[in-house]
Amino acid sequence: MSLTSSMEDYLKAILVLHQRHGNARCVDVADYLGVSKPSVSRAVKELSKSGHIIKKDGTLYLTQQGRQYAEQICERYQFFTARLVDAGVDRKTAEHDACNIEHAISAEAFQKLKDSLGEK
């Protein structure tokens, strides 16, 4: 299933919050992304329906499918942020642009780009 860039951002936020704090709640996701709690509630409902997350006792958990998807998005983000910073782009701009690129590039193009740079 293909997700919108917004839904991908929610998955990435949940993954990052789990890595940093050991858990992720809706309020944490809202703060992290700078969105309203009702927006998070709508996204959680959609991502639950699609099988990417589970909400239990107020905590959000990525399913195996959701974790895989979030890890791919994070990998792209980190890759493009690093390449842009290496090219001389200031970090804030690089992070903003990497966030846009991570959603736009196909899996095939990303893999070929990584391969061409000798990265695994």
Protein backbone atom coordinates (compact mmCIF):
# COMPACT_ATOMS: atom_id res chain seq x y z
CA MET A 1 0.00 0.00 0.00
CA SER A 2 1.28 3.44 -0.91
CA LEU A 3 1.09 6.06 1.84
CA THR A 4 0.96 9.83 1.53
CA SER A 5 4.04 11.81 2.52
CA SER A 6 2.13 12.97 5.59
CA MET A 7 1.44 9.39 6.69
CA GLU A 8 5.10 8.54 6.10
CA ASP A 9 6.05 11.45 8.38
CA TYR A 10 3.83 10.02 11.13
CA LEU A 11 5.49 6.61 10.84
CA LYS A 12 8.93 8.20 10.94
CA ALA A 13 7.96 10.26 13.98
CA ILE A 14 6.74 7.18 15.86
CA LEU A 15 9.98 5.34 15.06
CA VAL A 16 12.16 8.27 16.15
CA LEU A 17 10.20 8.76 19.37
CA HIS A 18 10.51 5.06 20.22
CA GLN A 19 14.25 5.21 19.58
CA ARG A 20 14.68 8.32 21.72
CA HIS A 21 12.25 7.69 24.56
CA GLY A 22 11.18 4.05 24.38
CA ASN A 23 7.58 4.93 23.56
CA ALA A 24 5.37 7.22 21.49
CA ARG A 25 2.02 8.69 22.45
CA CYS A 26 -0.26 10.83 20.30
CA VAL A 27 0.68 13.97 22.22
CA ASP A 28 4.39 13.21 21.63
CA VAL A 29 3.81 12.79 17.90
CA ALA A 30 1.85 16.05 17.78
CA ASP A 31 4.68 17.90 19.53
CA TYR A 32 7.36 16.26 17.38
CA LEU A 33 5.63 17.10 14.09
CA GLY A 34 4.16 20.41 15.21
CA VAL A 35 0.60 19.35 14.36
CA SER A 36 -2.66 19.28 16.28
CA LYS A 37 -3.77 16.32 18.37
CA PRO A 38 -6.88 15.84 16.18
CA SER A 39 -4.57 15.54 13.15
CA VAL A 40 -2.62 12.83 14.91
CA SER A 41 -5.85 11.05 15.85
CA ARG A 42 -6.95 10.99 12.20
CA ALA A 43 -3.56 9.72 11.07
CA VAL A 44 -3.51 7.05 13.78
CA LYS A 45 -6.92 5.84 12.66
CA GLU A 46 -5.77 5.57 9.03
CA LEU A 47 -2.42 3.96 9.88
CA SER A 48 -4.18 1.47 12.15
CA LYS A 49 -6.60 0.56 9.37
CA SER A 50 -3.73 0.06 6.94
CA GLY A 51 -1.91 -2.23 9.38
CA HIS A 52 1.09 0.04 9.99
CA ILE A 53 0.52 0.80 13.67
CA ILE A 54 -1.29 -0.44 16.75
CA LYS A 55 -2.52 1.79 19.56
CA LYS A 56 -2.63 0.11 22.95
CA ASP A 57 -3.17 1.84 26.31
CA GLY A 58 -2.42 5.24 24.76
CA THR A 59 0.91 4.14 23.28
CA LEU A 60 1.57 3.83 19.56
CA TYR A 61 3.46 0.80 18.27
CA LEU A 62 4.70 0.12 14.76
CA THR A 63 3.73 -3.22 13.27
CA GLN A 64 6.43 -5.12 11.41
CA GLN A 65 5.12 -3.57 8.18
CA GLY A 66 5.06 -0.11 9.75
CA ARG A 67 8.57 -0.43 11.17
CA GLN A 68 9.94 -1.54 7.81
CA TYR A 69 8.30 1.40 6.07
CA ALA A 70 9.47 3.88 8.74
CA GLU A 71 13.03 2.56 8.61
CA GLN A 72 13.11 3.01 4.82
CA ILE A 73 11.91 6.60 5.15
CA CYS A 74 14.48 7.31 7.88
CA GLU A 75 17.26 5.79 5.78
CA ARG A 76 16.37 8.04 2.85
CA TYR A 77 16.15 11.09 5.09
CA GLN A 78 19.53 10.42 6.70
CA PHE A 79 21.14 9.65 3.34
CA PHE A 80 19.95 12.84 1.67
CA THR A 81 20.62 15.01 4.70
CA ALA A 82 24.21 13.76 4.82
CA ARG A 83 24.78 14.17 1.07
CA LEU A 84 23.39 17.71 1.10
CA VAL A 85 25.44 18.73 4.15
CA ASP A 86 28.55 17.19 2.52
CA ALA A 87 27.81 19.29 -0.57
CA GLY A 88 27.87 22.44 1.57
CA VAL A 89 24.18 22.99 2.24
CA ASP A 90 23.51 24.29 5.76
CA ARG A 91 22.03 21.62 8.05
CA LYS A 92 18.59 23.21 8.50
CA THR A 93 18.08 23.56 4.73
CA ALA A 94 19.51 20.08 4.12
CA GLU A 95 17.09 18.54 6.62
CA HIS A 96 14.12 20.36 5.08
CA ASP A 97 15.07 19.37 1.54
CA ALA A 98 15.87 15.78 2.55
CA CYS A 99 12.39 15.51 4.03
CA ASN A 100 10.91 16.46 0.66
CA ILE A 101 13.21 14.20 -1.35
CA GLU A 102 12.60 11.15 0.87
CA HIS A 103 8.96 11.11 -0.20
CA ALA A 104 9.51 11.81 -3.89
CA ILE A 105 12.20 9.33 -4.90
CA SER A 106 11.28 5.82 -5.98
CA ALA A 107 12.79 2.79 -4.26
CA GLU A 108 14.55 1.86 -7.50
CA ALA A 109 16.09 5.31 -8.00
CA PHE A 110 17.19 5.48 -4.37
CA GLN A 111 18.86 2.08 -4.55
CA LYS A 112 20.63 2.91 -7.82
CA LEU A 113 21.86 6.21 -6.38
CA LYS A 114 23.20 4.44 -3.28
CA ASP A 115 24.83 1.78 -5.46
CA SER A 116 26.47 4.40 -7.67
CA LEU A 117 28.02 5.96 -4.55
CA GLY A 118 29.19 2.58 -3.26
CA GLU A 119 26.85 2.55 -0.26
CA LYS A 120 24.91 -0.43 1.01
